[in-house]
Amino acid sequence: RFVSERMVPFSFPLSKCALWDPVPMGDGIGSHIAYYRNPKLSMMEKTLRLAYRHAKQNEKKLFSCFLLGTLAVDEVGEGVTLTIDRFDPGREV
C-alpha cells in the first residue's frame, strides 16, 4: 500500500557539474519496495546474537550500528528477500 506520509523524496548530492538537466519533468511517482512485491526478511542467528550482545554491553541507550546483507528478487519476480548476515558496530568518530 502506498502511504505518502512515509515517503521521502530522494535527491543526489550537490556537485560542480551535472550529467543531466536537474529540472524535474513530469509527475512525481512513489517507489516502495513493498508496493508491488512481497518482502521477506531473513537474518542469521549468529548476527542477531552479536547485535543483541553489543546492545546489552553498550552503556548508552541509543547507539548506531550497521546490519549488512543482500537483497534478492525471486525467480517469479513477485518476492523480495533481504538476507542480513553481518553486523558492524561502527565507530564513534
Protein backbone atom coordinates (compact mmCIF):
# COMPACT_ATOMS: atom_id res chain seq x y z
CA ARG A 1 0.00 0.00 0.00
CA PHE A 2 1.29 3.42 -0.93
CA VAL A 3 1.48 5.75 2.08
CA SER A 4 2.52 9.22 1.02
CA GLU A 5 3.20 10.43 4.60
CA ARG A 6 6.07 7.94 4.95
CA MET A 7 7.59 8.54 1.54
CA VAL A 8 10.54 10.89 1.43
CA PRO A 9 11.83 12.18 -1.91
CA PHE A 10 15.44 11.31 -2.56
CA SER A 11 17.99 13.66 -4.06
CA PHE A 12 21.53 13.43 -5.27
CA PRO A 13 24.38 15.31 -3.57
CA LEU A 14 25.40 18.67 -4.95
CA SER A 15 28.24 18.65 -7.44
CA LYS A 16 30.10 21.18 -9.58
CA CYS A 17 28.93 19.66 -12.85
CA ALA A 18 25.84 17.64 -13.73
CA LEU A 19 25.47 14.96 -16.36
CA TRP A 20 21.77 15.72 -16.82
CA ASP A 21 19.34 18.59 -16.52
CA PRO A 22 18.27 18.70 -12.84
CA VAL A 23 14.92 20.37 -13.55
CA PRO A 24 12.06 17.94 -12.68
CA MET A 25 9.98 16.76 -15.64
CA GLY A 26 6.58 15.10 -15.40
CA ASP A 27 4.59 13.97 -12.41
CA GLY A 28 6.20 12.53 -9.32
CA ILE A 29 5.83 8.81 -8.64
CA GLY A 30 6.21 6.79 -5.47
CA SER A 31 8.69 3.96 -5.24
CA HIS A 32 8.35 1.49 -2.39
CA ILE A 33 9.79 -2.00 -2.08
CA ALA A 34 6.53 -3.50 -0.75
CA TYR A 35 4.16 -1.77 -3.18
CA TYR A 36 4.32 -4.46 -5.89
CA ARG A 37 6.33 -7.21 -4.17
CA ASN A 38 6.04 -9.40 -1.08
CA PRO A 39 9.03 -8.57 1.17
CA LYS A 40 10.68 -11.21 3.35
CA LEU A 41 13.41 -10.65 5.96
CA SER A 42 15.91 -13.38 6.77
CA MET A 43 18.55 -12.93 9.45
CA MET A 44 21.35 -15.22 10.58
CA GLU A 45 21.03 -16.21 14.25
CA LYS A 46 24.72 -15.51 14.85
CA THR A 47 24.29 -11.94 13.57
CA LEU A 48 21.25 -11.33 15.75
CA ARG A 49 23.01 -12.66 18.86
CA LEU A 50 26.06 -10.48 18.19
CA ALA A 51 23.92 -7.35 17.76
CA TYR A 52 21.95 -8.19 20.93
CA ARG A 53 25.15 -8.71 22.95
CA HIS A 54 26.59 -5.44 21.66
CA ALA A 55 23.39 -3.58 22.62
CA LYS A 56 23.40 -5.08 26.14
CA GLN A 57 27.08 -4.12 26.70
CA ASN A 58 26.62 -0.56 25.46
CA GLU A 59 26.13 1.99 28.25
CA LYS A 60 24.20 4.44 26.06
CA LYS A 61 20.50 3.95 25.40
CA LEU A 62 20.91 4.87 21.72
CA PHE A 63 23.81 3.74 19.57
CA SER A 64 24.44 3.32 15.86
CA CYS A 65 25.42 0.17 14.04
CA PHE A 66 25.19 -1.41 10.60
CA LEU A 67 23.41 -4.58 9.56
CA LEU A 68 24.78 -5.75 6.21
CA GLY A 69 23.26 -8.22 3.82
CA THR A 70 21.94 -8.91 0.35
CA LEU A 71 18.72 -8.09 -1.45
CA ALA A 72 17.39 -10.65 -3.94
CA VAL A 73 14.31 -10.95 -6.15
CA ASP A 74 12.82 -14.44 -6.52
CA GLU A 75 12.51 -16.28 -9.83
CA VAL A 76 8.88 -15.28 -10.38
CA GLY A 77 9.68 -11.63 -9.67
CA GLU A 78 6.96 -11.20 -7.06
CA GLY A 79 9.01 -11.58 -3.87
CA VAL A 80 11.97 -9.69 -2.44
CA THR A 81 14.21 -11.27 0.22
CA LEU A 82 16.54 -9.21 2.41
CA THR A 83 19.12 -11.54 3.99
CA ILE A 84 21.08 -9.92 6.81
CA ASP A 85 24.24 -11.84 7.55
CA ARG A 86 26.73 -9.40 9.07
CA PHE A 87 26.79 -6.96 11.99
CA ASP A 88 29.14 -3.97 12.16
CA PRO A 89 29.08 -1.91 15.37
CA GLY A 90 30.55 1.07 13.52
CA ARG A 91 32.72 3.76 15.03
CA GLU A 92 32.02 6.57 17.42
CA VAL A 93 34.03 9.08 15.37
